[in-house]
Amino acid sequence: MDKNEKSKKQVPLRLSPSLYNKLAAWAEDDFRSVNGQIEFLLTESVKKRYGKNALTDDEGDKG
């Protein structure tokens, strides 16, 4: 696999201030960055929708 295929994609995201504040507080409780929290939540949602094996080890959150 070449380097570009393994790098993470950048996605611009617009959030309301209230949603951002809730995510930031949740992230702090879980000792994550806001970006890490969003990635974790999206990963969990995909696993819930498509099954635990939906993402390969290098695509999912490892911690």
C-alpha atoms as a PDB file:
ATOM      1  CA  MET A   1       0.000   0.000   0.000  1.00  0.00           C
ATOM      2  CA  ASP A   2       1.436   3.381  -0.883  1.00  0.00           C
ATOM      3  CA  LYS A   3       1.803   6.250   1.608  1.00  0.00           C
ATOM      4  CA  ASN A   4      -1.169   8.227   0.228  1.00  0.00           C
ATOM      5  CA  GLU A   5      -3.510   5.270   0.698  1.00  0.00           C
ATOM      6  CA  LYS A   6      -2.584   4.967   4.402  1.00  0.00           C
ATOM      7  CA  SER A   7      -2.813   8.662   5.288  1.00  0.00           C
ATOM      8  CA  LYS A   8      -5.948   9.985   6.920  1.00  0.00           C
ATOM      9  CA  LYS A   9      -8.358  12.052   4.869  1.00  0.00           C
ATOM     10  CA  GLN A  10      -9.014  15.637   5.877  1.00  0.00           C
ATOM     11  CA  VAL A  11     -12.659  16.657   6.016  1.00  0.00           C
ATOM     12  CA  PRO A  12     -13.840  20.195   6.708  1.00  0.00           C
ATOM     13  CA  LEU A  13     -16.638  20.072   9.261  1.00  0.00           C
ATOM     14  CA  ARG A  14     -18.997  22.805  10.388  1.00  0.00           C
ATOM     15  CA  LEU A  15     -20.545  22.410  13.828  1.00  0.00           C
ATOM     16  CA  SER A  16     -22.841  24.618  15.838  1.00  0.00           C
ATOM     17  CA  PRO A  17     -21.154  26.184  18.861  1.00  0.00           C
ATOM     18  CA  SER A  18     -23.380  24.202  21.231  1.00  0.00           C
ATOM     19  CA  LEU A  19     -22.551  20.862  19.565  1.00  0.00           C
ATOM     20  CA  TYR A  20     -18.844  21.717  19.545  1.00  0.00           C
ATOM     21  CA  ASN A  21     -18.950  22.602  23.249  1.00  0.00           C
ATOM     22  CA  LYS A  22     -20.670  19.308  24.118  1.00  0.00           C
ATOM     23  CA  LEU A  23     -18.140  17.347  22.052  1.00  0.00           C
ATOM     24  CA  ALA A  24     -15.252  19.251  23.624  1.00  0.00           C
ATOM     25  CA  ALA A  25     -16.496  18.498  27.141  1.00  0.00           C
ATOM     26  CA  TRP A  26     -17.032  14.821  26.245  1.00  0.00           C
ATOM     27  CA  ALA A  27     -13.578  14.626  24.675  1.00  0.00           C
ATOM     28  CA  GLU A  28     -12.012  16.112  27.792  1.00  0.00           C
ATOM     29  CA  ASP A  29     -13.815  13.535  29.966  1.00  0.00           C
ATOM     30  CA  ASP A  30     -12.400  10.765  27.746  1.00  0.00           C
ATOM     31  CA  PHE A  31      -8.892  12.343  27.570  1.00  0.00           C
ATOM     32  CA  ARG A  32      -9.132  12.861  23.794  1.00  0.00           C
ATOM     33  CA  SER A  33      -8.863  15.831  21.474  1.00  0.00           C
ATOM     34  CA  VAL A  34     -12.088  17.033  19.870  1.00  0.00           C
ATOM     35  CA  ASN A  35     -10.863  15.623  16.562  1.00  0.00           C
ATOM     36  CA  GLY A  36     -10.063  12.295  18.228  1.00  0.00           C
ATOM     37  CA  GLN A  37     -13.495  12.218  19.854  1.00  0.00           C
ATOM     38  CA  ILE A  38     -15.271  12.847  16.548  1.00  0.00           C
ATOM     39  CA  GLU A  39     -13.200  10.123  14.864  1.00  0.00           C
ATOM     40  CA  PHE A  40     -13.953   7.716  17.734  1.00  0.00           C
ATOM     41  CA  LEU A  41     -17.697   8.409  17.564  1.00  0.00           C
ATOM     42  CA  LEU A  42     -17.803   8.020  13.787  1.00  0.00           C
ATOM     43  CA  THR A  43     -15.836   4.757  14.006  1.00  0.00           C
ATOM     44  CA  GLU A  44     -18.230   3.397  16.636  1.00  0.00           C
ATOM     45  CA  SER A  45     -21.215   4.409  14.491  1.00  0.00           C
ATOM     46  CA  VAL A  46     -19.820   2.619  11.440  1.00  0.00           C
ATOM     47  CA  LYS A  47     -19.117  -0.500  13.513  1.00  0.00           C
ATOM     48  CA  LYS A  48     -22.668  -0.410  14.882  1.00  0.00           C
ATOM     49  CA  ARG A  49     -24.134  -0.017  11.398  1.00  0.00           C
ATOM     50  CA  TYR A  50     -21.950  -2.489   9.492  1.00  0.00           C
ATOM     51  CA  GLY A  51     -20.629  -4.814  12.201  1.00  0.00           C
ATOM     52  CA  LYS A  52     -17.471  -4.910  14.270  1.00  0.00           C
ATOM     53  CA  ASN A  53     -15.362  -6.161  11.362  1.00  0.00           C
ATOM     54  CA  ALA A  54     -16.472  -3.363   9.037  1.00  0.00           C
ATOM     55  CA  LEU A  55     -13.144  -1.564   9.391  1.00  0.00           C
ATOM     56  CA  THR A  56      -9.730  -3.144   9.115  1.00  0.00           C
ATOM     57  CA  ASP A  57      -7.279  -2.687  11.989  1.00  0.00           C
ATOM     58  CA  ASP A  58      -5.473   0.201  10.319  1.00  0.00           C
ATOM     59  CA  GLU A  59      -8.746   2.035   9.543  1.00  0.00           C
ATOM     60  CA  GLY A  60     -10.360   1.945  12.973  1.00  0.00           C
ATOM     61  CA  ASP A  61      -9.632   3.499  16.317  1.00  0.00           C
ATOM     62  CA  LYS A  62      -7.164   1.383  18.258  1.00  0.00           C
ATOM     63  CA  GLY A  63      -7.728   2.809  21.689  1.00  0.00           C
END
